[in-house]
Amino acid sequence: MSQKKQSTEVNLKGTLVSVFIIGIIIIAMWFAVYGMYVAR
């Protein structure tokens, strides 16, 4: 039972990391688009 709990925690950590990475990519894209809009 403790083995299953441990794998669930690892899975949640992986999900959290991927959500952060996707969020950072989206924010970077927004800043790039905003920069192009301001620069024109």
N, C-alpha and C. Protein backbone atom coordinates (compact mmCIF):
# COMPACT_ATOMS: atom_id res chain seq x y z
N MET A 1 0.83 -1.20 0.00
CA MET A 1 0.00 0.00 0.00
C MET A 1 0.87 1.26 0.00
N SER A 2 1.94 1.27 0.82
CA SER A 2 2.83 2.43 0.86
C SER A 2 3.52 2.63 -0.50
N GLN A 3 3.76 1.53 -1.21
CA GLN A 3 4.38 1.62 -2.55
C GLN A 3 3.47 2.40 -3.50
N LYS A 4 2.17 2.11 -3.44
CA LYS A 4 1.23 2.81 -4.32
C LYS A 4 1.16 4.30 -3.98
N LYS A 5 1.15 4.61 -2.67
CA LYS A 5 1.11 6.02 -2.25
C LYS A 5 2.35 6.76 -2.75
N GLN A 6 3.51 6.09 -2.66
CA GLN A 6 4.75 6.73 -3.10
C GLN A 6 4.69 7.03 -4.60
N SER A 7 4.24 6.07 -5.40
CA SER A 7 4.18 6.30 -6.85
C SER A 7 3.18 7.40 -7.18
N THR A 8 2.09 7.50 -6.40
CA THR A 8 1.13 8.58 -6.62
C THR A 8 1.77 9.94 -6.34
N GLU A 9 2.56 10.03 -5.28
CA GLU A 9 3.24 11.29 -4.96
C GLU A 9 4.21 11.67 -6.07
N VAL A 10 4.95 10.70 -6.57
CA VAL A 10 5.90 10.96 -7.66
C VAL A 10 5.13 11.43 -8.90
N ASN A 11 4.00 10.79 -9.18
CA ASN A 11 3.17 11.16 -10.33
C ASN A 11 2.65 12.58 -10.18
N LEU A 12 2.22 12.94 -8.97
CA LEU A 12 1.74 14.30 -8.74
C LEU A 12 2.86 15.32 -8.91
N LYS A 13 4.06 14.99 -8.44
CA LYS A 13 5.19 15.90 -8.62
C LYS A 13 5.49 16.09 -10.10
N GLY A 14 5.47 15.01 -10.87
CA GLY A 14 5.71 15.11 -12.31
C GLY A 14 4.66 15.96 -12.99
N THR A 15 3.40 15.79 -12.57
CA THR A 15 2.31 16.60 -13.14
C THR A 15 2.52 18.07 -12.81
N LEU A 16 2.89 18.36 -11.56
CA LEU A 16 3.12 19.74 -11.14
C LEU A 16 4.25 20.37 -11.95
N VAL A 17 5.35 19.61 -12.14
CA VAL A 17 6.49 20.12 -12.91
C VAL A 17 6.07 20.41 -14.35
N SER A 18 5.31 19.49 -14.98
CA SER A 18 4.91 19.72 -16.37
C SER A 18 3.95 20.90 -16.47
N VAL A 19 3.08 21.09 -15.48
CA VAL A 19 2.18 22.25 -15.49
C VAL A 19 2.99 23.54 -15.40
N PHE A 20 4.00 23.56 -14.51
CA PHE A 20 4.86 24.75 -14.39
C PHE A 20 5.57 25.03 -15.70
N ILE A 21 6.11 23.98 -16.37
CA ILE A 21 6.84 24.17 -17.63
C ILE A 21 5.91 24.72 -18.70
N ILE A 22 4.70 24.16 -18.80
CA ILE A 22 3.74 24.64 -19.80
C ILE A 22 3.35 26.09 -19.50
N GLY A 23 3.15 26.40 -18.21
CA GLY A 23 2.81 27.77 -17.83
C GLY A 23 3.92 28.75 -18.19
N ILE A 24 5.16 28.36 -17.94
CA ILE A 24 6.30 29.22 -18.28
C ILE A 24 6.36 29.45 -19.79
N ILE A 25 6.13 28.38 -20.57
CA ILE A 25 6.15 28.51 -22.04
C ILE A 25 5.05 29.47 -22.50
N ILE A 26 3.84 29.34 -21.94
CA ILE A 26 2.73 30.21 -22.33
C ILE A 26 3.05 31.67 -21.96
N ILE A 27 3.59 31.89 -20.76
CA ILE A 27 3.95 33.26 -20.34
C ILE A 27 5.02 33.83 -21.26
N ALA A 28 6.01 33.01 -21.61
CA ALA A 28 7.08 33.48 -22.51
C ALA A 28 6.50 33.84 -23.87
N MET A 29 5.56 33.05 -24.37
CA MET A 29 4.92 33.37 -25.66
C MET A 29 4.16 34.68 -25.58
N TRP A 30 3.42 34.89 -24.45
CA TRP A 30 2.68 36.14 -24.28
C TRP A 30 3.63 37.34 -24.27
N PHE A 31 4.77 37.20 -23.56
CA PHE A 31 5.73 38.30 -23.53
C PHE A 31 6.32 38.56 -24.91
N ALA A 32 6.57 37.50 -25.69
CA ALA A 32 7.11 37.67 -27.04
C ALA A 32 6.11 38.40 -27.93
N VAL A 33 4.85 38.00 -27.86
CA VAL A 33 3.81 38.66 -28.66
C VAL A 33 3.64 40.12 -28.22
N TYR A 34 3.63 40.35 -26.90
CA TYR A 34 3.51 41.72 -26.39
C TYR A 34 4.69 42.58 -26.83
N GLY A 35 5.88 42.00 -26.80
CA GLY A 35 7.07 42.74 -27.25
C GLY A 35 7.00 43.10 -28.71
N MET A 36 6.54 42.18 -29.53
CA MET A 36 6.39 42.49 -30.96
C MET A 36 5.33 43.56 -31.18
N TYR A 37 4.24 43.52 -30.40
CA TYR A 37 3.17 44.51 -30.52
C TYR A 37 3.68 45.89 -30.12
N VAL A 38 4.45 45.98 -29.04
CA VAL A 38 4.97 47.26 -28.55
C VAL A 38 6.03 47.81 -29.51
N ALA A 39 6.84 46.93 -30.09
CA ALA A 39 7.96 47.37 -30.90
C ALA A 39 7.55 47.91 -32.27
N ARG A 40 6.35 47.58 -32.72
CA ARG A 40 6.00 48.01 -34.08
C ARG A 40 5.63 49.48 -34.17
